[in-house]
Amino acid sequence: RAPLPGSFQFGVPASADLEFFGDALAQDRFRSAVAVLQSLGGELVEISLAPFREAARLLYEGPWLSQRLEAAGALLSSDPAALDPVVRSILLGAHRFSAADVFRAEARLALLARQAKAVFEQIAVLAVPTSPTIYTVEQVRSDPIRRNSNLGYYTNFVNLLELCALAVPSGFRADELPFGITLIGPAGTEARLATLGARHHAATCRTLGASSRPWRGG
């Protein structure tokens, strides 16, 4: 696919689909990141995340769990204690799915993929927060399944829908924690994402990470 032209259309989730789990600082940084994309020649197009979010739910709530069970089944049978207890509980949940469930989910995913394809006919790239918030290690340990799911709110659908994605630094929040966006496109558009990602990075990052050393691009 051709690299981005001087002007382009980029999608962002509609306001009803935006979720930061109460993190106002992340929400503010995403607004700033969107403004940077507009300054680079982008025209904002709000899109519905509904088909993308439904695909993400299939990843962890649908029969694709059975694929993970197959990969780890021997270890689960011979030495279940070797697996992290949370991972083990997720894998065991795959037993509730039947072969018919798999076929139904495959058909549903094919429909969702067509809906996602239609979205990308309107935009060159979809821009989302890489993660909607930041948790401490202790916070994740206290509620690992829900909080890990929250962290993947904007990206868990990428592989199932056969999309490509690039995470890009986008400066720092007001509390000095890092923030980033993820640029998403159809398979084969990596060059486009890399072009825009480099431009966005150059416009938002002045130092090497949290250091005072200047970032000179490259």
C-alpha atoms as a PDB file:
ATOM      1  CA  ARG A   1       0.000   0.000   0.000  1.00  0.00           C
ATOM      2  CA  ALA A   2       1.141   3.563  -0.686  1.00  0.00           C
ATOM      3  CA  PRO A   3       2.526   5.675   2.165  1.00  0.00           C
ATOM      4  CA  LEU A   4       0.355   8.429   3.562  1.00  0.00           C
ATOM      5  CA  PRO A   5      -0.138  11.506   1.383  1.00  0.00           C
ATOM      6  CA  GLY A   6       0.188  15.038   2.764  1.00  0.00           C
ATOM      7  CA  SER A   7      -3.437  14.933   3.913  1.00  0.00           C
ATOM      8  CA  PHE A   8      -5.286  11.863   5.093  1.00  0.00           C
ATOM      9  CA  GLN A   9      -8.327  10.711   7.028  1.00  0.00           C
ATOM     10  CA  PHE A  10      -7.806   8.977  10.338  1.00  0.00           C
ATOM     11  CA  GLY A  11     -10.387   7.313  12.517  1.00  0.00           C
ATOM     12  CA  VAL A  12     -10.828   7.676  16.258  1.00  0.00           C
ATOM     13  CA  PRO A  13     -13.408   5.914  18.411  1.00  0.00           C
ATOM     14  CA  ALA A  14     -16.720   7.741  18.718  1.00  0.00           C
ATOM     15  CA  SER A  15     -17.224   9.391  22.093  1.00  0.00           C
ATOM     16  CA  ALA A  16     -19.575   6.604  23.189  1.00  0.00           C
ATOM     17  CA  ASP A  17     -16.772   4.061  22.599  1.00  0.00           C
ATOM     18  CA  LEU A  18     -13.990   5.960  24.328  1.00  0.00           C
ATOM     19  CA  GLU A  19     -13.052   4.364  27.634  1.00  0.00           C
ATOM     20  CA  PHE A  20     -10.321   5.387  30.065  1.00  0.00           C
ATOM     21  CA  PHE A  21     -11.633   3.666  33.212  1.00  0.00           C
ATOM     22  CA  GLY A  22     -11.718   6.937  35.107  1.00  0.00           C
ATOM     23  CA  ASP A  23      -8.217   8.045  34.056  1.00  0.00           C
ATOM     24  CA  ALA A  24      -8.656  11.718  33.169  1.00  0.00           C
ATOM     25  CA  LEU A  25      -4.932  12.190  32.486  1.00  0.00           C
ATOM     26  CA  ALA A  26      -4.946   9.486  29.808  1.00  0.00           C
ATOM     27  CA  GLN A  27      -8.070  10.996  28.284  1.00  0.00           C
ATOM     28  CA  ASP A  28      -6.407  14.423  28.142  1.00  0.00           C
ATOM     29  CA  ARG A  29      -3.278  13.011  26.487  1.00  0.00           C
ATOM     30  CA  PHE A  30      -5.337  11.243  23.860  1.00  0.00           C
ATOM     31  CA  ARG A  31      -7.033  14.518  22.981  1.00  0.00           C
ATOM     32  CA  SER A  32      -3.583  16.042  22.554  1.00  0.00           C
ATOM     33  CA  ALA A  33      -2.439  13.134  20.393  1.00  0.00           C
ATOM     34  CA  VAL A  34      -5.482  13.548  18.145  1.00  0.00           C
ATOM     35  CA  ALA A  35      -4.686  17.260  17.797  1.00  0.00           C
ATOM     36  CA  VAL A  36      -1.144  16.361  16.726  1.00  0.00           C
ATOM     37  CA  LEU A  37      -2.473  14.024  14.030  1.00  0.00           C
ATOM     38  CA  GLN A  38      -4.683  16.854  12.789  1.00  0.00           C
ATOM     39  CA  SER A  39      -1.680  19.198  12.700  1.00  0.00           C
ATOM     40  CA  LEU A  40       0.101  16.641  10.499  1.00  0.00           C
ATOM     41  CA  GLY A  41      -2.637  16.894   7.877  1.00  0.00           C
ATOM     42  CA  GLY A  42      -5.114  14.417   9.270  1.00  0.00           C
ATOM     43  CA  GLU A  43      -8.872  14.804   9.037  1.00  0.00           C
ATOM     44  CA  LEU A  44     -10.645  13.245  12.014  1.00  0.00           C
ATOM     45  CA  VAL A  45     -13.411  10.721  11.336  1.00  0.00           C
ATOM     46  CA  GLU A  46     -15.310   9.256  14.285  1.00  0.00           C
ATOM     47  CA  ILE A  47     -15.977   5.551  13.888  1.00  0.00           C
ATOM     48  CA  SER A  48     -17.914   2.967  15.856  1.00  0.00           C
ATOM     49  CA  LEU A  49     -15.769   0.455  17.724  1.00  0.00           C
ATOM     50  CA  ALA A  50     -18.691  -1.975  17.990  1.00  0.00           C
ATOM     51  CA  PRO A  51     -17.417  -4.634  15.524  1.00  0.00           C
ATOM     52  CA  PHE A  52     -13.883  -4.329  16.876  1.00  0.00           C
ATOM     53  CA  ARG A  53     -14.972  -4.664  20.494  1.00  0.00           C
ATOM     54  CA  GLU A  54     -17.155  -7.674  19.693  1.00  0.00           C
ATOM     55  CA  ALA A  55     -14.174  -9.358  18.046  1.00  0.00           C
ATOM     56  CA  ALA A  56     -12.100  -8.616  21.152  1.00  0.00           C
ATOM     57  CA  ARG A  57     -14.701 -10.314  23.334  1.00  0.00           C
ATOM     58  CA  LEU A  58     -14.519 -13.407  21.134  1.00  0.00           C
ATOM     59  CA  LEU A  59     -10.797 -13.598  21.887  1.00  0.00           C
ATOM     60  CA  TYR A  60     -11.235 -14.124  25.620  1.00  0.00           C
ATOM     61  CA  GLU A  61     -14.884 -15.090  25.994  1.00  0.00           C
ATOM     62  CA  GLY A  62     -15.356 -17.229  22.890  1.00  0.00           C
ATOM     63  CA  PRO A  63     -14.130 -20.616  21.674  1.00  0.00           C
ATOM     64  CA  TRP A  64     -10.672 -19.312  20.773  1.00  0.00           C
ATOM     65  CA  LEU A  65      -9.908 -20.267  24.347  1.00  0.00           C
ATOM     66  CA  SER A  66      -9.977 -23.849  23.079  1.00  0.00           C
ATOM     67  CA  GLN A  67      -6.983 -23.097  20.864  1.00  0.00           C
ATOM     68  CA  ARG A  68      -5.016 -22.039  23.929  1.00  0.00           C
ATOM     69  CA  LEU A  69      -6.208 -25.142  25.772  1.00  0.00           C
ATOM     70  CA  GLU A  70      -4.918 -27.318  22.937  1.00  0.00           C
ATOM     71  CA  ALA A  71      -1.518 -25.593  23.066  1.00  0.00           C
ATOM     72  CA  ALA A  72      -1.142 -26.067  26.833  1.00  0.00           C
ATOM     73  CA  GLY A  73      -3.312 -29.138  27.297  1.00  0.00           C
ATOM     74  CA  ALA A  74      -0.508 -31.628  27.886  1.00  0.00           C
ATOM     75  CA  LEU A  75       1.064 -29.511  30.604  1.00  0.00           C
ATOM     76  CA  LEU A  76      -2.331 -28.787  32.127  1.00  0.00           C
ATOM     77  CA  SER A  77      -2.998 -32.519  32.396  1.00  0.00           C
ATOM     78  CA  SER A  78       0.431 -33.620  33.590  1.00  0.00           C
ATOM     79  CA  ASP A  79       1.432 -30.748  35.871  1.00  0.00           C
ATOM     80  CA  PRO A  80      -1.365 -28.195  36.374  1.00  0.00           C
ATOM     81  CA  ALA A  81       0.531 -26.510  39.216  1.00  0.00           C
ATOM     82  CA  ALA A  82       3.199 -25.464  36.716  1.00  0.00           C
ATOM     83  CA  LEU A  83       0.768 -22.962  35.229  1.00  0.00           C
ATOM     84  CA  ASP A  84      -0.042 -19.613  36.775  1.00  0.00           C
ATOM     85  CA  PRO A  85      -3.364 -20.051  38.649  1.00  0.00           C
ATOM     86  CA  VAL A  86      -5.042 -17.240  36.705  1.00  0.00           C
ATOM     87  CA  VAL A  87      -3.893 -18.643  33.355  1.00  0.00           C
ATOM     88  CA  ARG A  88      -4.999 -22.110  34.450  1.00  0.00           C
ATOM     89  CA  SER A  89      -8.491 -20.891  35.336  1.00  0.00           C
ATOM     90  CA  ILE A  90      -8.838 -19.166  31.966  1.00  0.00           C
ATOM     91  CA  LEU A  91      -7.741 -22.272  30.077  1.00  0.00           C
ATOM     92  CA  LEU A  92     -10.115 -24.510  31.974  1.00  0.00           C
ATOM     93  CA  GLY A  93     -12.964 -22.263  30.879  1.00  0.00           C
ATOM     94  CA  ALA A  94     -12.467 -23.572  27.342  1.00  0.00           C
ATOM     95  CA  HIS A  95     -14.174 -26.835  28.296  1.00  0.00           C
ATOM     96  CA  ARG A  96     -17.562 -25.153  28.075  1.00  0.00           C
ATOM     97  CA  PHE A  97     -17.311 -24.730  24.283  1.00  0.00           C
ATOM     98  CA  SER A  98     -18.395 -27.264  21.688  1.00  0.00           C
ATOM     99  CA  ALA A  99     -17.384 -27.731  18.041  1.00  0.00           C
ATOM    100  CA  ALA A 100     -20.668 -26.075  17.056  1.00  0.00           C
ATOM    101  CA  ASP A 101     -19.653 -23.026  19.109  1.00  0.00           C
ATOM    102  CA  VAL A 102     -16.428 -22.811  17.110  1.00  0.00           C
ATOM    103  CA  PHE A 103     -18.257 -22.815  13.768  1.00  0.00           C
ATOM    104  CA  ARG A 104     -20.743 -20.206  14.977  1.00  0.00           C
ATOM    105  CA  ALA A 105     -17.927 -17.987  16.227  1.00  0.00           C
ATOM    106  CA  GLU A 106     -15.996 -18.363  12.952  1.00  0.00           C
ATOM    107  CA  ALA A 107     -19.055 -17.219  11.018  1.00  0.00           C
ATOM    108  CA  ARG A 108     -19.555 -14.292  13.363  1.00  0.00           C
ATOM    109  CA  LEU A 109     -15.908 -13.288  13.109  1.00  0.00           C
ATOM    110  CA  ALA A 110     -16.108 -13.336   9.302  1.00  0.00           C
ATOM    111  CA  LEU A 111     -19.027 -10.881   9.487  1.00  0.00           C
ATOM    112  CA  LEU A 112     -17.135  -8.643  11.930  1.00  0.00           C
ATOM    113  CA  ALA A 113     -14.102  -8.688   9.622  1.00  0.00           C
ATOM    114  CA  ARG A 114     -16.279  -7.454   6.741  1.00  0.00           C
ATOM    115  CA  GLN A 115     -17.609  -4.665   8.947  1.00  0.00           C
ATOM    116  CA  ALA A 116     -14.068  -3.701   9.940  1.00  0.00           C
ATOM    117  CA  LYS A 117     -13.017  -3.695   6.290  1.00  0.00           C
ATOM    118  CA  ALA A 118     -15.848  -1.269   5.523  1.00  0.00           C
ATOM    119  CA  VAL A 119     -14.539   1.061   8.253  1.00  0.00           C
ATOM    120  CA  PHE A 120     -11.092   1.121   6.654  1.00  0.00           C
ATOM    121  CA  GLU A 121     -12.625   2.083   3.326  1.00  0.00           C
ATOM    122  CA  GLN A 122     -13.407   5.436   4.995  1.00  0.00           C
ATOM    123  CA  ILE A 123     -10.067   6.037   6.703  1.00  0.00           C
ATOM    124  CA  ALA A 124      -6.350   5.504   6.107  1.00  0.00           C
ATOM    125  CA  VAL A 125      -5.621   4.538   9.689  1.00  0.00           C
ATOM    126  CA  LEU A 126      -7.356   4.076  13.036  1.00  0.00           C
ATOM    127  CA  ALA A 127      -5.751   5.855  16.012  1.00  0.00           C
ATOM    128  CA  VAL A 128      -6.476   4.632  19.556  1.00  0.00           C
ATOM    129  CA  PRO A 129      -4.773   4.855  22.954  1.00  0.00           C
ATOM    130  CA  THR A 130      -2.272   2.016  23.322  1.00  0.00           C
ATOM    131  CA  SER A 131      -3.817   1.433  26.738  1.00  0.00           C
ATOM    132  CA  PRO A 132      -6.698   3.335  28.321  1.00  0.00           C
ATOM    133  CA  THR A 133      -5.004   3.697  31.690  1.00  0.00           C
ATOM    134  CA  ILE A 134      -1.953   2.606  33.709  1.00  0.00           C
ATOM    135  CA  TYR A 135      -2.059   0.147  36.606  1.00  0.00           C
ATOM    136  CA  THR A 136       0.552  -0.678  39.184  1.00  0.00           C
ATOM    137  CA  VAL A 137       1.742  -4.276  39.445  1.00  0.00           C
ATOM    138  CA  GLU A 138      -0.170  -4.565  42.712  1.00  0.00           C
ATOM    139  CA  GLN A 139      -3.390  -3.378  41.078  1.00  0.00           C
ATOM    140  CA  VAL A 140      -3.092  -5.980  38.327  1.00  0.00           C
ATOM    141  CA  ARG A 141      -2.347  -8.745  40.819  1.00  0.00           C
ATOM    142  CA  SER A 142      -5.423  -7.863  42.842  1.00  0.00           C
ATOM    143  CA  ASP A 143      -7.753  -8.294  39.838  1.00  0.00           C
ATOM    144  CA  PRO A 144      -5.678  -9.774  37.001  1.00  0.00           C
ATOM    145  CA  ILE A 145      -8.341 -10.896  34.541  1.00  0.00           C
ATOM    146  CA  ARG A 146     -10.411  -7.722  34.548  1.00  0.00           C
ATOM    147  CA  ARG A 147      -7.487  -5.317  34.590  1.00  0.00           C
ATOM    148  CA  ASN A 148      -5.537  -7.107  31.867  1.00  0.00           C
ATOM    149  CA  SER A 149      -8.706  -7.063  29.790  1.00  0.00           C
ATOM    150  CA  ASN A 150      -9.017  -3.327  30.443  1.00  0.00           C
ATOM    151  CA  LEU A 151      -5.438  -2.741  29.298  1.00  0.00           C
ATOM    152  CA  GLY A 152      -6.212  -4.432  25.988  1.00  0.00           C
ATOM    153  CA  TYR A 153      -9.474  -2.552  25.435  1.00  0.00           C
ATOM    154  CA  TYR A 154      -8.230  -0.864  22.250  1.00  0.00           C
ATOM    155  CA  THR A 155      -5.998  -3.615  20.830  1.00  0.00           C
ATOM    156  CA  ASN A 156      -7.294  -7.115  21.690  1.00  0.00           C
ATOM    157  CA  PHE A 157      -9.134  -7.326  18.376  1.00  0.00           C
ATOM    158  CA  VAL A 158      -6.148  -6.703  16.079  1.00  0.00           C
ATOM    159  CA  ASN A 159      -4.955 -10.279  15.524  1.00  0.00           C
ATOM    160  CA  LEU A 160      -8.401 -11.865  15.171  1.00  0.00           C
ATOM    161  CA  LEU A 161      -9.369  -9.327  12.498  1.00  0.00           C
ATOM    162  CA  GLU A 162      -6.016  -9.797  10.687  1.00  0.00           C
ATOM    163  CA  LEU A 163      -5.050  -6.160  11.071  1.00  0.00           C
ATOM    164  CA  CYS A 164      -1.609  -4.664  11.628  1.00  0.00           C
ATOM    165  CA  ALA A 165      -0.732  -2.166  14.356  1.00  0.00           C
ATOM    166  CA  LEU A 166       2.095   0.058  15.537  1.00  0.00           C
ATOM    167  CA  ALA A 167       2.446   1.447  19.068  1.00  0.00           C
ATOM    168  CA  VAL A 168       3.953   4.941  19.091  1.00  0.00           C
ATOM    169  CA  PRO A 169       5.180   7.074  22.026  1.00  0.00           C
ATOM    170  CA  SER A 170       3.120  10.242  22.390  1.00  0.00           C
ATOM    171  CA  GLY A 171       4.758  12.239  25.155  1.00  0.00           C
ATOM    172  CA  PHE A 172       4.064  12.221  28.864  1.00  0.00           C
ATOM    173  CA  ARG A 173       0.989  12.712  31.004  1.00  0.00           C
ATOM    174  CA  ALA A 174       0.684  15.441  33.606  1.00  0.00           C
ATOM    175  CA  ASP A 175       1.862  12.940  36.257  1.00  0.00           C
ATOM    176  CA  GLU A 176       5.008  12.280  34.141  1.00  0.00           C
ATOM    177  CA  LEU A 177       3.970   8.742  33.240  1.00  0.00           C
ATOM    178  CA  PRO A 178       4.349   7.841  29.546  1.00  0.00           C
ATOM    179  CA  PHE A 179       1.484   7.831  27.077  1.00  0.00           C
ATOM    180  CA  GLY A 180       1.236   6.298  23.639  1.00  0.00           C
ATOM    181  CA  ILE A 181      -1.144   5.729  20.775  1.00  0.00           C
ATOM    182  CA  THR A 182      -1.542   2.714  18.538  1.00  0.00           C
ATOM    183  CA  LEU A 183      -2.048   3.140  14.808  1.00  0.00           C
ATOM    184  CA  ILE A 184      -4.088   0.335  13.238  1.00  0.00           C
ATOM    185  CA  GLY A 185      -4.644  -0.552   9.606  1.00  0.00           C
ATOM    186  CA  PRO A 186      -5.457  -3.470   7.310  1.00  0.00           C
ATOM    187  CA  ALA A 187      -2.823  -6.151   6.815  1.00  0.00           C
ATOM    188  CA  GLY A 188      -0.138  -4.918   4.438  1.00  0.00           C
ATOM    189  CA  THR A 189      -0.263  -1.255   5.480  1.00  0.00           C
ATOM    190  CA  GLU A 190       2.787  -1.386   7.753  1.00  0.00           C
ATOM    191  CA  ALA A 191       4.664   1.224   5.679  1.00  0.00           C
ATOM    192  CA  ARG A 192       1.774   3.643   6.056  1.00  0.00           C
ATOM    193  CA  LEU A 193       1.670   3.155   9.820  1.00  0.00           C
ATOM    194  CA  ALA A 194       5.453   3.537  10.104  1.00  0.00           C
ATOM    195  CA  THR A 195       5.383   6.779   8.112  1.00  0.00           C
ATOM    196  CA  LEU A 196       2.693   8.344  10.248  1.00  0.00           C
ATOM    197  CA  GLY A 197       4.159   6.885  13.438  1.00  0.00           C
ATOM    198  CA  ALA A 198       7.538   8.494  12.774  1.00  0.00           C
ATOM    199  CA  ARG A 199       5.920  11.852  12.081  1.00  0.00           C
ATOM    200  CA  HIS A 200       3.807  11.676  15.220  1.00  0.00           C
ATOM    201  CA  HIS A 201       6.771  10.592  17.346  1.00  0.00           C
ATOM    202  CA  ALA A 202       8.873  13.486  16.085  1.00  0.00           C
ATOM    203  CA  ALA A 203       6.073  15.941  16.868  1.00  0.00           C
ATOM    204  CA  THR A 204       5.473  14.743  20.429  1.00  0.00           C
ATOM    205  CA  CYS A 205       8.811  13.542  21.826  1.00  0.00           C
ATOM    206  CA  ARG A 206      11.673  15.918  22.518  1.00  0.00           C
ATOM    207  CA  THR A 207      13.816  13.753  24.802  1.00  0.00           C
ATOM    208  CA  LEU A 208      14.934  10.137  25.020  1.00  0.00           C
ATOM    209  CA  GLY A 209      12.207   8.673  27.191  1.00  0.00           C
ATOM    210  CA  ALA A 210      12.045  10.299  30.609  1.00  0.00           C
ATOM    211  CA  SER A 211      15.653  11.479  30.418  1.00  0.00           C
ATOM    212  CA  SER A 212      16.807  15.003  29.642  1.00  0.00           C
ATOM    213  CA  ARG A 213      18.837  13.831  26.653  1.00  0.00           C
ATOM    214  CA  PRO A 214      17.457  15.274  23.399  1.00  0.00           C
ATOM    215  CA  TRP A 215      15.896  12.933  20.887  1.00  0.00           C
ATOM    216  CA  ARG A 216      17.185  13.712  17.416  1.00  0.00           C
ATOM    217  CA  GLY A 217      14.970  11.414  15.416  1.00  0.00           C
ATOM    218  CA  GLY A 218      16.248   8.884  12.948  1.00  0.00           C
END
